[in-house]
Amino acid sequence: MSNANAAQKRRIDALLRLPENKVCFECLENQPRWASTNLGVFLCLRCAGLHRSAGTHVSKVRSATMDTWEEEMIRCCENIGNARGRVLYEYNMPDSVRPNASTNGALAERLIREKYEQRRYFNVEYDSLLKKFMSEGASQGSSTPKDEKRDVVASVPAPPSLWVGNSQQTAQPTLTAGQTKQSASANGISIDDLFSTPNAKTNPNVGTPVSPQPVGVVPQGQFQQTSGMFHPAGMTPFGMEVRGPSQGNFQAPAVDAKQEIMSLFTPSNQGPPHVYSAWAPSGSSKCFSPQ
């Protein structure tokens, strides 16, 4: 498609988007895609066929999407259109005469011939009005005169919304630094406190030494027996240190060292029957003791 054809198509599409041109000039059907280029009105497919059957001396029909238009055809539709066409061609026509989609084809064709061939409903000032519309449109380069221009309401986009669950919440505007400072001051919080690092004044526990927990004191040379194994006092069989309670005045209970040593050579009578020690030799139920 050449640049000239593309420009013509844009002009025709702009005419079809006008409110008065969204219905057929004859039967008021929606979305007309044909036009009478010498009358300057837009038609539906059925009415375009009726205009064509009336003859080219009455109406010259062109498709708005498939045919190539000449410049004077486009200018005629731009300067007249369906709104001005009703002033020119249907000035005295009653609404009962207007055909519709269910009107018989022969009757609709007869009504069209009466309207345009016999000029039965034409405006009494048709010739002067036609010259006025064509001259005003040509001088202004617009489809309508200055006093008949349509008001276009600029659409304002709605603020962005966030979809949360089953309801919509409008996104709140971002607060500036000054607004944040005023909000913090209103809540009793200084802006300096929000971004300052904690010091010794705000945290009195910083720098205070923590006293370690005392370890239980067991007399040197003391041994304990657990499951037949020997280990130094204060150590578990696995070498882990036994810690006492956290009180600083803890005192270990006094233990008789002699009685503790003698208990090592005494057979244990607290074990369950028929249970052998892991250190006892095969076939013996007594604890193994060093010689």
C-alpha atoms as a PDB file:
ATOM      1  CA  MET A   1       0.000   0.000   0.000  1.00  0.00           C
ATOM      2  CA  SER A   2       1.366   3.366  -1.054  1.00  0.00           C
ATOM      3  CA  ASN A   3       1.598   6.351   1.231  1.00  0.00           C
ATOM      4  CA  ALA A   4      -1.303   8.080  -0.568  1.00  0.00           C
ATOM      5  CA  ASN A   5      -3.591   5.066  -0.176  1.00  0.00           C
ATOM      6  CA  ALA A   6      -2.595   4.693   3.475  1.00  0.00           C
ATOM      7  CA  ALA A   7      -3.404   8.358   4.110  1.00  0.00           C
ATOM      8  CA  GLN A   8      -6.806   7.976   2.416  1.00  0.00           C
ATOM      9  CA  LYS A   9      -7.589   4.890   4.492  1.00  0.00           C
ATOM     10  CA  ARG A  10      -6.786   6.757   7.699  1.00  0.00           C
ATOM     11  CA  ARG A  11      -9.133   9.597   6.694  1.00  0.00           C
ATOM     12  CA  ILE A  12     -11.972   7.186   5.862  1.00  0.00           C
ATOM     13  CA  ASP A  13     -11.487   5.260   9.115  1.00  0.00           C
ATOM     14  CA  ALA A  14     -11.623   8.533  11.030  1.00  0.00           C
ATOM     15  CA  LEU A  15     -14.976   9.316   9.387  1.00  0.00           C
ATOM     16  CA  LEU A  16     -16.377   5.894  10.311  1.00  0.00           C
ATOM     17  CA  ARG A  17     -15.452   6.479  13.967  1.00  0.00           C
ATOM     18  CA  LEU A  18     -17.651   9.593  14.204  1.00  0.00           C
ATOM     19  CA  PRO A  19     -20.843   8.922  16.239  1.00  0.00           C
ATOM     20  CA  GLU A  20     -23.270  10.013  13.485  1.00  0.00           C
ATOM     21  CA  ASN A  21     -21.495   7.803  10.920  1.00  0.00           C
ATOM     22  CA  LYS A  22     -21.687   4.628  13.037  1.00  0.00           C
ATOM     23  CA  VAL A  23     -25.222   3.879  11.765  1.00  0.00           C
ATOM     24  CA  CYS A  24     -26.625   3.590   8.251  1.00  0.00           C
ATOM     25  CA  PHE A  25     -28.028   6.845   6.879  1.00  0.00           C
ATOM     26  CA  GLU A  26     -31.166   5.123   5.494  1.00  0.00           C
ATOM     27  CA  CYS A  27     -32.187   2.321   7.920  1.00  0.00           C
ATOM     28  CA  LEU A  28     -30.061   3.133  11.017  1.00  0.00           C
ATOM     29  CA  GLU A  29     -28.289  -0.253  11.023  1.00  0.00           C
ATOM     30  CA  ASN A  30     -24.997  -0.385  12.936  1.00  0.00           C
ATOM     31  CA  GLN A  31     -21.489  -0.334  11.434  1.00  0.00           C
ATOM     32  CA  PRO A  32     -21.983   0.886   7.868  1.00  0.00           C
ATOM     33  CA  ARG A  33     -19.061   0.009   5.585  1.00  0.00           C
ATOM     34  CA  TRP A  34     -20.251   1.626   2.347  1.00  0.00           C
ATOM     35  CA  ALA A  35     -20.755   5.233   1.273  1.00  0.00           C
ATOM     36  CA  SER A  36     -22.500   7.315  -1.364  1.00  0.00           C
ATOM     37  CA  THR A  37     -19.553   9.434  -2.440  1.00  0.00           C
ATOM     38  CA  ASN A  38     -21.639  12.064  -4.289  1.00  0.00           C
ATOM     39  CA  LEU A  39     -24.211  12.421  -1.474  1.00  0.00           C
ATOM     40  CA  GLY A  40     -21.590  12.232   1.297  1.00  0.00           C
ATOM     41  CA  VAL A  41     -23.439   9.702   3.518  1.00  0.00           C
ATOM     42  CA  PHE A  42     -22.544   6.213   4.838  1.00  0.00           C
ATOM     43  CA  LEU A  43     -24.695   3.141   4.182  1.00  0.00           C
ATOM     44  CA  CYS A  44     -25.060  -0.485   5.200  1.00  0.00           C
ATOM     45  CA  LEU A  45     -24.628  -3.306   2.668  1.00  0.00           C
ATOM     46  CA  ARG A  46     -28.367  -3.639   1.887  1.00  0.00           C
ATOM     47  CA  CYS A  47     -28.971   0.089   1.421  1.00  0.00           C
ATOM     48  CA  ALA A  48     -25.781   0.391  -0.639  1.00  0.00           C
ATOM     49  CA  GLY A  49     -27.255  -2.186  -3.043  1.00  0.00           C
ATOM     50  CA  LEU A  50     -30.507  -0.178  -3.244  1.00  0.00           C
ATOM     51  CA  HIS A  51     -28.566   3.005  -4.004  1.00  0.00           C
ATOM     52  CA  ARG A  52     -26.592   1.224  -6.707  1.00  0.00           C
ATOM     53  CA  SER A  53     -29.731  -0.176  -8.308  1.00  0.00           C
ATOM     54  CA  ALA A  54     -31.155   3.363  -8.478  1.00  0.00           C
ATOM     55  CA  GLY A  55     -28.350   4.317 -10.857  1.00  0.00           C
ATOM     56  CA  THR A  56     -25.139   6.281 -10.771  1.00  0.00           C
ATOM     57  CA  HIS A  57     -27.010   9.472 -11.624  1.00  0.00           C
ATOM     58  CA  VAL A  58     -28.601   9.163  -8.164  1.00  0.00           C
ATOM     59  CA  SER A  59     -25.796   7.707  -6.042  1.00  0.00           C
ATOM     60  CA  LYS A  60     -22.197   6.624  -6.605  1.00  0.00           C
ATOM     61  CA  VAL A  61     -21.436   3.854  -4.112  1.00  0.00           C
ATOM     62  CA  ARG A  62     -17.967   2.915  -2.869  1.00  0.00           C
ATOM     63  CA  SER A  63     -16.765   0.445  -0.253  1.00  0.00           C
ATOM     64  CA  ALA A  64     -15.048   2.044   2.729  1.00  0.00           C
ATOM     65  CA  THR A  65     -12.653  -0.893   3.117  1.00  0.00           C
ATOM     66  CA  MET A  66     -12.081  -2.376  -0.359  1.00  0.00           C
ATOM     67  CA  ASP A  67     -12.396   0.362  -2.997  1.00  0.00           C
ATOM     68  CA  THR A  68     -10.014   3.158  -3.923  1.00  0.00           C
ATOM     69  CA  TRP A  69     -11.458   6.626  -3.481  1.00  0.00           C
ATOM     70  CA  GLU A  70     -10.714   9.824  -5.317  1.00  0.00           C
ATOM     71  CA  GLU A  71      -9.886  12.986  -3.415  1.00  0.00           C
ATOM     72  CA  GLU A  72     -13.208  14.735  -4.178  1.00  0.00           C
ATOM     73  CA  MET A  73     -15.115  11.674  -2.896  1.00  0.00           C
ATOM     74  CA  ILE A  74     -13.315  11.808   0.441  1.00  0.00           C
ATOM     75  CA  ARG A  75     -13.803  15.557   0.707  1.00  0.00           C
ATOM     76  CA  CYS A  76     -17.532  15.222   0.024  1.00  0.00           C
ATOM     77  CA  CYS A  77     -17.948  12.698   2.860  1.00  0.00           C
ATOM     78  CA  GLU A  78     -15.752  14.802   5.157  1.00  0.00           C
ATOM     79  CA  ASN A  79     -17.751  17.990   4.523  1.00  0.00           C
ATOM     80  CA  ILE A  80     -21.239  16.443   4.704  1.00  0.00           C
ATOM     81  CA  GLY A  81     -21.505  13.131   6.591  1.00  0.00           C
ATOM     82  CA  ASN A  82     -24.688  11.633   8.013  1.00  0.00           C
ATOM     83  CA  ALA A  83     -25.436  14.556  10.369  1.00  0.00           C
ATOM     84  CA  ARG A  84     -25.460  17.244   7.671  1.00  0.00           C
ATOM     85  CA  GLY A  85     -27.017  14.821   5.196  1.00  0.00           C
ATOM     86  CA  ARG A  86     -30.193  14.711   7.313  1.00  0.00           C
ATOM     87  CA  VAL A  87     -30.366  18.512   7.182  1.00  0.00           C
ATOM     88  CA  LEU A  88     -30.017  18.459   3.383  1.00  0.00           C
ATOM     89  CA  TYR A  89     -31.969  15.348   2.292  1.00  0.00           C
ATOM     90  CA  GLU A  90     -34.449  14.604   5.128  1.00  0.00           C
ATOM     91  CA  TYR A  91     -35.478  18.086   6.215  1.00  0.00           C
ATOM     92  CA  ASN A  92     -39.244  17.443   5.829  1.00  0.00           C
ATOM     93  CA  MET A  93     -39.273  13.623   6.004  1.00  0.00           C
ATOM     94  CA  PRO A  94     -41.490  12.046   8.745  1.00  0.00           C
ATOM     95  CA  ASP A  95     -40.045   9.197  10.769  1.00  0.00           C
ATOM     96  CA  SER A  96     -42.790   6.821   9.608  1.00  0.00           C
ATOM     97  CA  VAL A  97     -41.434   6.933   6.062  1.00  0.00           C
ATOM     98  CA  ARG A  98     -37.918   5.788   7.027  1.00  0.00           C
ATOM     99  CA  PRO A  99     -37.201   2.193   5.924  1.00  0.00           C
ATOM    100  CA  ASN A 100     -35.711  -0.394   8.263  1.00  0.00           C
ATOM    101  CA  ALA A 101     -34.065  -3.787   7.984  1.00  0.00           C
ATOM    102  CA  SER A 102     -37.425  -5.567   7.559  1.00  0.00           C
ATOM    103  CA  THR A 103     -38.805  -3.197   4.887  1.00  0.00           C
ATOM    104  CA  ASN A 104     -39.530  -4.797   1.513  1.00  0.00           C
ATOM    105  CA  GLY A 105     -36.740  -4.236  -1.013  1.00  0.00           C
ATOM    106  CA  ALA A 106     -39.021  -2.796  -3.699  1.00  0.00           C
ATOM    107  CA  LEU A 107     -40.634  -0.400  -1.240  1.00  0.00           C
ATOM    108  CA  ALA A 108     -37.254   0.702   0.118  1.00  0.00           C
ATOM    109  CA  GLU A 109     -35.980   1.348  -3.430  1.00  0.00           C
ATOM    110  CA  ARG A 110     -39.084   3.423  -4.229  1.00  0.00           C
ATOM    111  CA  LEU A 111     -38.533   5.521  -1.077  1.00  0.00           C
ATOM    112  CA  ILE A 112     -34.916   6.131  -2.047  1.00  0.00           C
ATOM    113  CA  ARG A 113     -35.919   7.267  -5.550  1.00  0.00           C
ATOM    114  CA  GLU A 114     -38.538   9.609  -4.108  1.00  0.00           C
ATOM    115  CA  LYS A 115     -35.989  11.095  -1.744  1.00  0.00           C
ATOM    116  CA  TYR A 116     -33.161  11.753  -4.220  1.00  0.00           C
ATOM    117  CA  GLU A 117     -34.689  11.771  -7.728  1.00  0.00           C
ATOM    118  CA  GLN A 118     -37.812  13.718  -6.870  1.00  0.00           C
ATOM    119  CA  ARG A 119     -36.193  15.596  -3.967  1.00  0.00           C
ATOM    120  CA  ARG A 120     -39.394  15.218  -2.001  1.00  0.00           C
ATOM    121  CA  TYR A 121     -37.824  15.850   1.411  1.00  0.00           C
ATOM    122  CA  PHE A 122     -34.931  18.129   0.485  1.00  0.00           C
ATOM    123  CA  ASN A 123     -34.275  21.305   2.424  1.00  0.00           C
ATOM    124  CA  VAL A 124     -35.720  24.398   0.795  1.00  0.00           C
ATOM    125  CA  GLU A 125     -32.280  25.984   1.055  1.00  0.00           C
ATOM    126  CA  TYR A 126     -30.500  22.908  -0.232  1.00  0.00           C
ATOM    127  CA  ASP A 127     -28.304  24.646  -2.821  1.00  0.00           C
ATOM    128  CA  SER A 128     -27.079  27.392  -0.499  1.00  0.00           C
ATOM    129  CA  LEU A 129     -26.496  24.987   2.398  1.00  0.00           C
ATOM    130  CA  LEU A 130     -24.578  22.571   0.180  1.00  0.00           C
ATOM    131  CA  LYS A 131     -22.282  25.346  -1.022  1.00  0.00           C
ATOM    132  CA  LYS A 132     -21.824  26.534   2.558  1.00  0.00           C
ATOM    133  CA  PHE A 133     -20.901  23.079   3.855  1.00  0.00           C
ATOM    134  CA  MET A 134     -18.480  22.408   1.016  1.00  0.00           C
ATOM    135  CA  SER A 135     -16.797  25.821   1.250  1.00  0.00           C
ATOM    136  CA  GLU A 136     -16.474  25.758   5.036  1.00  0.00           C
ATOM    137  CA  GLY A 137     -15.056  22.277   4.980  1.00  0.00           C
ATOM    138  CA  ALA A 138     -12.604  23.165   2.186  1.00  0.00           C
ATOM    139  CA  SER A 139     -11.437  26.385   3.849  1.00  0.00           C
ATOM    140  CA  GLN A 140     -10.911  24.825   7.284  1.00  0.00           C
ATOM    141  CA  GLY A 141      -9.675  21.458   6.067  1.00  0.00           C
ATOM    142  CA  SER A 142     -12.024  19.785   8.504  1.00  0.00           C
ATOM    143  CA  SER A 143     -15.069  17.561   8.196  1.00  0.00           C
ATOM    144  CA  THR A 144     -17.254  19.992  10.170  1.00  0.00           C
ATOM    145  CA  PRO A 145     -17.399  23.784  10.555  1.00  0.00           C
ATOM    146  CA  LYS A 146     -15.788  25.464  13.507  1.00  0.00           C
ATOM    147  CA  ASP A 147     -19.075  25.970  15.365  1.00  0.00           C
ATOM    148  CA  GLU A 148     -20.029  22.290  14.911  1.00  0.00           C
ATOM    149  CA  LYS A 149     -16.789  20.695  16.036  1.00  0.00           C
ATOM    150  CA  ARG A 150     -17.276  17.837  18.457  1.00  0.00           C
ATOM    151  CA  ASP A 151     -15.957  18.063  21.959  1.00  0.00           C
ATOM    152  CA  VAL A 152     -13.439  15.375  22.729  1.00  0.00           C
ATOM    153  CA  VAL A 153     -13.106  14.477  26.387  1.00  0.00           C
ATOM    154  CA  ALA A 154      -9.552  13.464  27.226  1.00  0.00           C
ATOM    155  CA  SER A 155      -9.526  10.254  29.158  1.00  0.00           C
ATOM    156  CA  VAL A 156      -7.610  10.403  32.412  1.00  0.00           C
ATOM    157  CA  PRO A 157      -5.928   7.115  33.329  1.00  0.00           C
ATOM    158  CA  ALA A 158      -6.924   5.681  36.681  1.00  0.00           C
ATOM    159  CA  PRO A 159      -4.268   5.269  39.381  1.00  0.00           C
ATOM    160  CA  PRO A 160      -2.572   1.851  39.419  1.00  0.00           C
ATOM    161  CA  SER A 161      -4.223  -0.724  41.622  1.00  0.00           C
ATOM    162  CA  LEU A 162      -2.935  -3.754  43.356  1.00  0.00           C
ATOM    163  CA  TRP A 163      -5.017  -6.904  43.443  1.00  0.00           C
ATOM    164  CA  VAL A 164      -4.964  -8.443  46.901  1.00  0.00           C
ATOM    165  CA  GLY A 165      -7.187 -11.422  47.568  1.00  0.00           C
ATOM    166  CA  ASN A 166     -10.777 -10.622  46.487  1.00  0.00           C
ATOM    167  CA  SER A 167     -10.535  -6.833  46.801  1.00  0.00           C
ATOM    168  CA  GLN A 168      -8.664  -4.049  45.050  1.00  0.00           C
ATOM    169  CA  GLN A 169      -6.435  -1.672  46.876  1.00  0.00           C
ATOM    170  CA  THR A 170      -5.256   1.551  45.302  1.00  0.00           C
ATOM    171  CA  ALA A 171      -1.499   1.981  45.404  1.00  0.00           C
ATOM    172  CA  GLN A 172      -0.523   4.714  47.823  1.00  0.00           C
ATOM    173  CA  PRO A 173       1.817   7.493  46.659  1.00  0.00           C
ATOM    174  CA  THR A 174       5.394   7.390  47.803  1.00  0.00           C
ATOM    175  CA  LEU A 175       6.174   9.726  50.685  1.00  0.00           C
ATOM    176  CA  THR A 176       9.008  12.180  50.321  1.00  0.00           C
ATOM    177  CA  ALA A 177      11.790  12.635  52.848  1.00  0.00           C
ATOM    178  CA  GLY A 178      10.116  15.747  54.286  1.00  0.00           C
ATOM    179  CA  GLN A 179       6.782  13.964  54.715  1.00  0.00           C
ATOM    180  CA  THR A 180       8.500  11.014  56.405  1.00  0.00           C
ATOM    181  CA  LYS A 181      10.230  13.345  58.852  1.00  0.00           C
ATOM    182  CA  GLN A 182       6.955  15.098  59.705  1.00  0.00           C
ATOM    183  CA  SER A 183       5.187  11.753  60.211  1.00  0.00           C
ATOM    184  CA  ALA A 184       7.953  10.513  62.518  1.00  0.00           C
ATOM    185  CA  SER A 185       7.893  13.755  64.530  1.00  0.00           C
ATOM    186  CA  ALA A 186       4.114  13.494  64.912  1.00  0.00           C
ATOM    187  CA  ASN A 187       4.511  10.022  66.444  1.00  0.00           C
ATOM    188  CA  GLY A 188       7.060  11.264  68.979  1.00  0.00           C
ATOM    189  CA  ILE A 189      10.068   9.771  67.187  1.00  0.00           C
ATOM    190  CA  SER A 190      12.926  11.932  66.027  1.00  0.00           C
ATOM    191  CA  ILE A 191      14.271  11.360  62.551  1.00  0.00           C
ATOM    192  CA  ASP A 192      17.801  11.274  63.990  1.00  0.00           C
ATOM    193  CA  ASP A 193      16.833   8.331  66.223  1.00  0.00           C
ATOM    194  CA  LEU A 194      15.657   6.324  63.228  1.00  0.00           C
ATOM    195  CA  PHE A 195      19.035   6.369  61.474  1.00  0.00           C
ATOM    196  CA  SER A 196      21.501   6.693  64.414  1.00  0.00           C
ATOM    197  CA  THR A 197      23.515   3.724  65.671  1.00  0.00           C
ATOM    198  CA  PRO A 198      23.038   2.539  69.282  1.00  0.00           C
ATOM    199  CA  ASN A 199      25.723   3.652  71.816  1.00  0.00           C
ATOM    200  CA  ALA A 200      26.589   3.009  75.430  1.00  0.00           C
ATOM    201  CA  LYS A 201      23.907   5.471  76.624  1.00  0.00           C
ATOM    202  CA  THR A 202      21.044   3.752  74.872  1.00  0.00           C
ATOM    203  CA  ASN A 203      22.268   0.237  75.755  1.00  0.00           C
ATOM    204  CA  PRO A 204      23.692   0.063  79.286  1.00  0.00           C
ATOM    205  CA  ASN A 205      24.539  -3.640  78.918  1.00  0.00           C
ATOM    206  CA  VAL A 206      27.150  -3.001  76.215  1.00  0.00           C
ATOM    207  CA  GLY A 207      30.696  -3.460  77.493  1.00  0.00           C
ATOM    208  CA  THR A 208      29.672  -5.194  80.779  1.00  0.00           C
ATOM    209  CA  PRO A 209      31.749  -8.355  81.261  1.00  0.00           C
ATOM    210  CA  VAL A 210      29.870 -11.577  81.743  1.00  0.00           C
ATOM    211  CA  SER A 211      31.134 -13.840  84.501  1.00  0.00           C
ATOM    212  CA  PRO A 212      31.753 -17.384  83.360  1.00  0.00           C
ATOM    213  CA  GLN A 213      29.903 -20.226  84.987  1.00  0.00           C
ATOM    214  CA  PRO A 214      31.955 -22.041  87.655  1.00  0.00           C
ATOM    215  CA  VAL A 215      33.032 -25.565  87.081  1.00  0.00           C
ATOM    216  CA  GLY A 216      32.380 -28.130  89.730  1.00  0.00           C
ATOM    217  CA  VAL A 217      35.505 -28.800  91.839  1.00  0.00           C
ATOM    218  CA  VAL A 218      36.303 -32.405  92.549  1.00  0.00           C
ATOM    219  CA  PRO A 219      39.209 -33.411  94.916  1.00  0.00           C
ATOM    220  CA  GLN A 220      42.335 -34.528  93.176  1.00  0.00           C
ATOM    221  CA  GLY A 221      42.869 -38.239  93.029  1.00  0.00           C
ATOM    222  CA  GLN A 222      39.188 -39.014  93.289  1.00  0.00           C
ATOM    223  CA  PHE A 223      37.877 -41.547  90.831  1.00  0.00           C
ATOM    224  CA  GLN A 224      34.420 -42.661  89.894  1.00  0.00           C
ATOM    225  CA  GLN A 225      33.248 -45.910  88.441  1.00  0.00           C
ATOM    226  CA  THR A 226      30.598 -46.014  85.747  1.00  0.00           C
ATOM    227  CA  SER A 227      29.603 -49.228  84.048  1.00  0.00           C
ATOM    228  CA  GLY A 228      32.902 -50.868  85.017  1.00  0.00           C
ATOM    229  CA  MET A 229      35.143 -48.165  83.475  1.00  0.00           C
ATOM    230  CA  PHE A 230      37.696 -45.994  85.238  1.00  0.00           C
ATOM    231  CA  HIS A 231      37.917 -42.273  84.502  1.00  0.00           C
ATOM    232  CA  PRO A 232      39.211 -39.259  86.404  1.00  0.00           C
ATOM    233  CA  ALA A 233      36.851 -37.323  88.560  1.00  0.00           C
ATOM    234  CA  GLY A 234      35.003 -34.523  86.803  1.00  0.00           C
ATOM    235  CA  MET A 235      35.147 -36.277  83.417  1.00  0.00           C
ATOM    236  CA  THR A 236      32.544 -38.441  81.755  1.00  0.00           C
ATOM    237  CA  PRO A 237      33.490 -41.776  80.197  1.00  0.00           C
ATOM    238  CA  PHE A 238      33.684 -39.979  76.842  1.00  0.00           C
ATOM    239  CA  GLY A 239      36.101 -37.266  78.008  1.00  0.00           C
ATOM    240  CA  MET A 240      33.531 -34.505  78.421  1.00  0.00           C
ATOM    241  CA  GLU A 241      33.904 -32.089  81.292  1.00  0.00           C
ATOM    242  CA  VAL A 242      31.119 -32.026  83.861  1.00  0.00           C
ATOM    243  CA  ARG A 243      30.019 -28.507  84.778  1.00  0.00           C
ATOM    244  CA  GLY A 244      28.476 -27.747  88.094  1.00  0.00           C
ATOM    245  CA  PRO A 245      25.641 -25.374  88.877  1.00  0.00           C
ATOM    246  CA  SER A 246      25.992 -21.679  88.073  1.00  0.00           C
ATOM    247  CA  GLN A 247      26.098 -20.528  91.717  1.00  0.00           C
ATOM    248  CA  GLY A 248      29.467 -19.106  92.707  1.00  0.00           C
ATOM    249  CA  ASN A 249      29.352 -20.552  96.277  1.00  0.00           C
ATOM    250  CA  PHE A 250      29.003 -24.162  95.192  1.00  0.00           C
ATOM    251  CA  GLN A 251      30.907 -26.643  97.410  1.00  0.00           C
ATOM    252  CA  ALA A 252      31.602 -30.241  96.445  1.00  0.00           C
ATOM    253  CA  PRO A 253      30.335 -32.805  99.008  1.00  0.00           C
ATOM    254  CA  ALA A 254      32.972 -34.530 101.117  1.00  0.00           C
ATOM    255  CA  VAL A 255      33.720 -38.080  99.990  1.00  0.00           C
ATOM    256  CA  ASP A 256      35.651 -40.720 101.874  1.00  0.00           C
ATOM    257  CA  ALA A 257      38.565 -41.620  99.585  1.00  0.00           C
ATOM    258  CA  LYS A 258      39.272 -44.926 101.302  1.00  0.00           C
ATOM    259  CA  GLN A 259      35.689 -46.098 101.040  1.00  0.00           C
ATOM    260  CA  GLU A 260      35.611 -45.065  97.399  1.00  0.00           C
ATOM    261  CA  ILE A 261      38.780 -47.063  96.625  1.00  0.00           C
ATOM    262  CA  MET A 262      37.528 -50.136  98.469  1.00  0.00           C
ATOM    263  CA  SER A 263      34.312 -50.048  96.528  1.00  0.00           C
ATOM    264  CA  LEU A 264      36.298 -50.679  93.382  1.00  0.00           C
ATOM    265  CA  PHE A 265      37.219 -54.191  94.564  1.00  0.00           C
ATOM    266  CA  THR A 266      33.751 -55.104  95.778  1.00  0.00           C
ATOM    267  CA  PRO A 267      31.546 -57.044  93.328  1.00  0.00           C
ATOM    268  CA  SER A 268      28.547 -55.056  92.195  1.00  0.00           C
ATOM    269  CA  ASN A 269      25.220 -56.529  93.402  1.00  0.00           C
ATOM    270  CA  GLN A 270      22.974 -53.892  91.814  1.00  0.00           C
ATOM    271  CA  GLY A 271      23.066 -55.221  88.266  1.00  0.00           C
ATOM    272  CA  PRO A 272      20.121 -57.188  86.922  1.00  0.00           C
ATOM    273  CA  PRO A 273      20.405 -60.994  86.849  1.00  0.00           C
ATOM    274  CA  HIS A 274      21.816 -62.728  83.819  1.00  0.00           C
ATOM    275  CA  VAL A 275      23.360 -59.513  82.486  1.00  0.00           C
ATOM    276  CA  TYR A 276      27.079 -59.583  81.726  1.00  0.00           C
ATOM    277  CA  SER A 277      29.390 -56.634  81.812  1.00  0.00           C
ATOM    278  CA  ALA A 278      31.053 -55.549  78.602  1.00  0.00           C
ATOM    279  CA  TRP A 279      34.442 -55.840  80.320  1.00  0.00           C
ATOM    280  CA  ALA A 280      33.906 -59.230  81.930  1.00  0.00           C
ATOM    281  CA  PRO A 281      35.542 -62.301  80.360  1.00  0.00           C
ATOM    282  CA  SER A 282      33.413 -64.916  78.650  1.00  0.00           C
ATOM    283  CA  GLY A 283      31.483 -67.168  81.050  1.00  0.00           C
ATOM    284  CA  SER A 284      31.838 -64.884  84.073  1.00  0.00           C
ATOM    285  CA  SER A 285      29.138 -62.781  85.703  1.00  0.00           C
ATOM    286  CA  LYS A 286      31.573 -60.827  87.885  1.00  0.00           C
ATOM    287  CA  CYS A 287      33.079 -57.473  87.059  1.00  0.00           C
ATOM    288  CA  PHE A 288      36.617 -57.614  85.766  1.00  0.00           C
ATOM    289  CA  SER A 289      39.118 -56.028  88.203  1.00  0.00           C
ATOM    290  CA  PRO A 290      42.823 -55.414  87.721  1.00  0.00           C
ATOM    291  CA  GLN A 291      45.221 -57.767  89.630  1.00  0.00           C
END
